[in-house]
Amino acid sequence: MSKSTGSCLCGAIHYECDVDPVAAGVCHCRHCQKTSGSAFSTMIAVPENALRITGTLSTYEDRGDDGGRTVLRKFCGRCGAPIVSLTPMAPGIAFLKAGTLDDVSHLKPTFQCWHDSAQPWLHLDDSLATFPRNPAL
């Protein structure tokens, strides 16, 4: 995979990134559960400077599950679809919400974070690197 493209639900936001993701994973934190409306959020990490977004994103400044570290959650203000998260814990990295990708057939998460908050009924691939909270960067 060398190009990632995607959009929001209504098509007001589009993005592309011409480099391979540096990682793909799932986050089980309660904030990701709430923003995804599901048991976890699936994401790909890409260099922020390689990401091109068209359309106007709205931003929610979240204090996160880790005691107040800021997460900028960017979404379409028209349809509400979450697009990307930015955090100072990973400067220069953009975490694209994988559900917004045009093609998810190639996606294979390699890690899961905030496993301490994972729903007890959910069991993912045992080969995934598993972190109780955020991985050390």
Protein backbone atom coordinates (compact mmCIF):
# COMPACT_ATOMS: atom_id res chain seq x y z
CA MET A 1 0.00 0.00 0.00
CA SER A 2 1.49 3.34 -0.93
CA LYS A 3 -1.47 5.70 -1.12
CA SER A 4 -4.26 6.11 1.37
CA THR A 5 -7.39 7.98 0.35
CA GLY A 6 -10.64 8.47 2.15
CA SER A 7 -13.57 10.69 2.98
CA CYS A 8 -16.29 11.40 5.48
CA LEU A 9 -19.79 9.97 5.20
CA CYS A 10 -21.29 12.94 3.33
CA GLY A 11 -18.27 13.59 1.09
CA ALA A 12 -17.54 17.13 2.34
CA ILE A 13 -14.09 16.03 3.57
CA HIS A 14 -11.57 14.11 1.45
CA TYR A 15 -7.97 13.19 2.18
CA GLU A 16 -4.98 11.48 0.64
CA CYS A 17 -1.57 10.42 1.85
CA ASP A 18 1.14 9.22 -0.54
CA VAL A 19 3.26 7.30 1.96
CA ASP A 20 2.76 3.99 3.69
CA PRO A 21 1.29 4.11 7.18
CA VAL A 22 3.87 3.84 9.94
CA ALA A 23 1.45 1.70 11.99
CA ALA A 24 -2.09 0.35 12.12
CA GLY A 25 -3.87 -0.47 15.33
CA VAL A 26 -6.92 -0.33 17.52
CA CYS A 27 -7.52 1.80 20.59
CA HIS A 28 -9.80 0.60 23.38
CA CYS A 29 -9.80 3.81 25.46
CA ARG A 30 -13.24 4.96 26.58
CA HIS A 31 -12.92 8.16 24.57
CA CYS A 32 -12.29 6.21 21.34
CA GLN A 33 -15.18 3.92 22.21
CA LYS A 34 -17.44 6.94 22.55
CA THR A 35 -16.24 8.73 19.41
CA SER A 36 -16.48 5.56 17.32
CA GLY A 37 -19.76 4.40 18.81
CA SER A 38 -18.21 0.95 19.07
CA ALA A 39 -15.92 -1.19 21.24
CA PHE A 40 -12.75 0.40 19.83
CA SER A 41 -11.39 2.73 17.17
CA THR A 42 -9.30 1.41 14.28
CA MET A 43 -6.64 3.75 12.94
CA ILE A 44 -3.63 4.09 10.74
CA ALA A 45 -0.74 6.35 11.69
CA VAL A 46 0.71 8.47 8.89
CA PRO A 47 3.20 11.35 8.81
CA GLU A 48 1.15 14.50 9.34
CA ASN A 49 3.13 16.43 6.71
CA ALA A 50 2.25 13.80 4.06
CA LEU A 51 -1.50 14.11 4.68
CA ARG A 52 -3.56 16.39 2.43
CA ILE A 53 -7.11 17.18 3.50
CA THR A 54 -9.71 19.05 1.47
CA GLY A 55 -12.77 20.49 3.16
CA THR A 56 -13.13 22.17 6.53
CA LEU A 57 -12.66 20.01 9.60
CA SER A 58 -14.19 20.80 12.98
CA THR A 59 -12.05 20.12 16.05
CA TYR A 60 -12.92 18.84 19.50
CA GLU A 61 -10.12 19.32 22.05
CA ASP A 62 -10.32 16.18 24.16
CA ARG A 63 -8.39 15.77 27.39
CA GLY A 64 -8.10 12.01 26.82
CA ASP A 65 -8.22 9.03 29.16
CA ASP A 66 -4.66 9.49 30.40
CA GLY A 67 -5.14 12.26 32.91
CA GLY A 68 -5.51 15.29 30.72
CA ARG A 69 -3.18 15.02 27.72
CA THR A 70 -4.74 16.80 24.77
CA VAL A 71 -6.07 14.90 21.78
CA LEU A 72 -7.35 16.99 18.89
CA ARG A 73 -10.20 15.00 17.39
CA LYS A 74 -10.98 16.34 13.92
CA PHE A 75 -14.26 15.50 12.24
CA CYS A 76 -16.68 16.59 9.56
CA GLY A 77 -18.91 19.29 11.00
CA ARG A 78 -21.64 18.38 8.52
CA CYS A 79 -22.05 14.60 8.99
CA GLY A 80 -20.03 14.15 12.21
CA ALA A 81 -17.70 11.47 10.83
CA PRO A 82 -14.41 11.34 12.77
CA ILE A 83 -11.46 11.74 10.38
CA VAL A 84 -8.16 12.18 12.23
CA SER A 85 -6.72 12.57 15.71
CA LEU A 86 -3.57 14.51 16.61
CA THR A 87 -1.75 14.35 19.92
CA PRO A 88 1.43 15.96 21.25
CA MET A 89 2.43 12.50 22.51
CA ALA A 90 3.13 11.60 18.86
CA PRO A 91 4.29 14.84 17.23
CA GLY A 92 4.21 14.78 13.44
CA ILE A 93 1.89 11.75 13.31
CA ALA A 94 -1.76 11.84 12.25
CA PHE A 95 -4.04 8.99 13.29
CA LEU A 96 -6.56 8.49 10.49
CA LYS A 97 -9.78 6.72 11.38
CA ALA A 98 -9.60 3.56 9.28
CA GLY A 99 -13.36 3.43 8.70
CA THR A 100 -13.01 6.52 6.51
CA LEU A 101 -10.51 4.88 4.13
CA ASP A 102 -11.74 4.23 0.60
CA ASP A 103 -10.16 0.76 0.66
CA VAL A 104 -9.82 -1.11 3.94
CA SER A 105 -9.10 -4.52 2.37
CA HIS A 106 -5.35 -4.15 2.96
CA LEU A 107 -5.67 -3.07 6.60
CA LYS A 108 -4.17 -5.36 9.21
CA PRO A 109 -3.76 -3.90 12.70
CA THR A 110 -0.50 -4.84 14.41
CA PHE A 111 -1.19 -3.47 17.89
CA GLN A 112 -3.91 -2.62 20.37
CA CYS A 113 -3.60 0.06 23.01
CA TRP A 114 -5.57 0.96 26.11
CA HIS A 115 -6.28 -2.75 26.49
CA ASP A 116 -7.09 -2.05 30.16
CA SER A 117 -10.34 -0.49 28.86
CA ALA A 118 -11.18 -3.23 26.34
CA GLN A 119 -14.66 -4.65 26.54
CA PRO A 120 -14.51 -8.05 28.29
CA TRP A 121 -16.54 -9.75 25.56
CA LEU A 122 -14.11 -8.67 22.82
CA HIS A 123 -11.18 -10.90 21.86
CA LEU A 124 -8.88 -9.85 19.01
CA ASP A 125 -6.01 -11.67 17.36
CA ASP A 126 -3.53 -12.92 20.00
CA SER A 127 -0.61 -11.97 17.75
CA LEU A 128 -1.30 -8.23 18.15
CA ALA A 129 1.18 -6.31 20.30
CA THR A 130 -0.90 -5.35 23.33
CA PHE A 131 -0.39 -2.31 25.55
CA PRO A 132 -2.35 -1.68 28.77
CA ARG A 133 -2.47 2.03 27.92
CA ASN A 134 -0.49 4.07 25.35
CA PRO A 135 2.64 2.44 23.91
CA ALA A 136 5.93 4.15 24.66
CA LEU A 137 6.87 6.35 21.73
